[in-house]
């Protein structure tokens, strides 16, 4: 496995985690800080949506680079 494959696998796993958290928020999950203050779930959902979108873009770039690196030679 190459370094780019490892990076791609790591980003896909992180994306899956973020999507899982979004699903929990959609199901009504509530998060509180260590001091008991509730997290603004609307803001957290928006933040995670931005994170996932950024990860999607980065994953697409990594997959394209990997395809170019392993593609057929002319």
Protein backbone atom coordinates (compact mmCIF):
# COMPACT_ATOMS: atom_id res chain seq x y z
CA UNK A 1 0.00 0.00 0.00
CA UNK A 2 1.43 3.37 -1.00
CA UNK A 3 1.43 6.53 1.09
CA UNK A 4 -1.33 8.00 -1.08
CA UNK A 5 -3.42 4.82 -0.62
CA UNK A 6 -2.96 5.10 3.15
CA UNK A 7 -3.91 8.77 3.12
CA UNK A 8 -6.97 8.02 1.00
CA UNK A 9 -8.07 5.22 3.33
CA UNK A 10 -7.58 7.51 6.36
CA UNK A 11 -9.66 10.28 4.80
CA UNK A 12 -12.43 7.87 3.82
CA UNK A 13 -12.56 6.56 7.39
CA UNK A 14 -12.66 10.10 8.80
CA UNK A 15 -15.45 10.97 6.34
CA UNK A 16 -17.43 7.91 7.44
CA UNK A 17 -17.07 9.05 11.07
CA UNK A 18 -18.30 12.55 10.23
CA UNK A 19 -21.29 11.14 8.33
CA UNK A 20 -22.10 8.89 11.29
CA UNK A 21 -22.07 11.93 13.58
CA UNK A 22 -24.37 13.79 11.17
CA UNK A 23 -26.81 10.88 11.26
CA UNK A 24 -26.77 10.92 15.06
CA UNK A 25 -27.55 14.65 15.04
CA UNK A 26 -30.41 14.06 12.60
CA UNK A 27 -31.76 11.47 15.04
CA UNK A 28 -31.74 14.04 17.84
CA UNK A 29 -28.41 13.45 19.55
CA UNK A 30 -27.33 16.14 21.97
CA UNK A 31 -23.71 16.91 22.86
CA UNK A 32 -22.52 18.79 25.90
CA UNK A 33 -19.12 20.23 26.73
CA UNK A 34 -17.21 18.93 29.76
CA UNK A 35 -18.71 21.71 31.86
CA UNK A 36 -22.24 20.62 30.94
CA UNK A 37 -22.93 23.46 28.49
CA UNK A 38 -24.95 22.14 25.53
CA UNK A 39 -23.42 22.33 22.07
CA UNK A 40 -25.43 24.25 19.46
CA UNK A 41 -26.42 21.26 17.35
CA UNK A 42 -27.45 23.35 14.34
CA UNK A 43 -23.96 24.84 14.22
CA UNK A 44 -22.37 21.44 14.77
CA UNK A 45 -24.44 19.97 11.92
CA UNK A 46 -23.41 22.81 9.59
CA UNK A 47 -19.77 22.39 10.61
CA UNK A 48 -19.84 18.65 9.95
CA UNK A 49 -21.54 19.17 6.58
CA UNK A 50 -18.69 21.52 5.61
CA UNK A 51 -16.13 19.00 6.85
CA UNK A 52 -17.70 16.20 4.79
CA UNK A 53 -17.85 18.40 1.68
CA UNK A 54 -14.17 19.31 2.10
CA UNK A 55 -13.27 15.66 2.60
CA UNK A 56 -15.23 14.71 -0.53
CA UNK A 57 -13.20 17.21 -2.53
CA UNK A 58 -9.90 16.00 -1.08
CA UNK A 59 -10.80 12.34 -1.60
CA UNK A 60 -11.70 13.08 -5.23
CA UNK A 61 -8.29 14.76 -5.74
CA UNK A 62 -6.48 11.82 -4.12
CA UNK A 63 -8.38 9.29 -6.22
CA UNK A 64 -7.63 11.25 -9.39
CA UNK A 65 -3.93 11.45 -8.51
CA UNK A 66 -3.86 7.72 -7.75
CA UNK A 67 -5.59 6.91 -11.04
CA UNK A 68 -3.09 9.04 -12.95
CA UNK A 69 -0.18 7.39 -11.14
CA UNK A 70 -1.39 3.85 -11.92
CA UNK A 71 -2.98 4.54 -15.29
CA UNK A 72 -1.83 2.97 -18.55
CA UNK A 73 1.38 4.24 -20.07
CA UNK A 74 1.17 5.83 -23.51
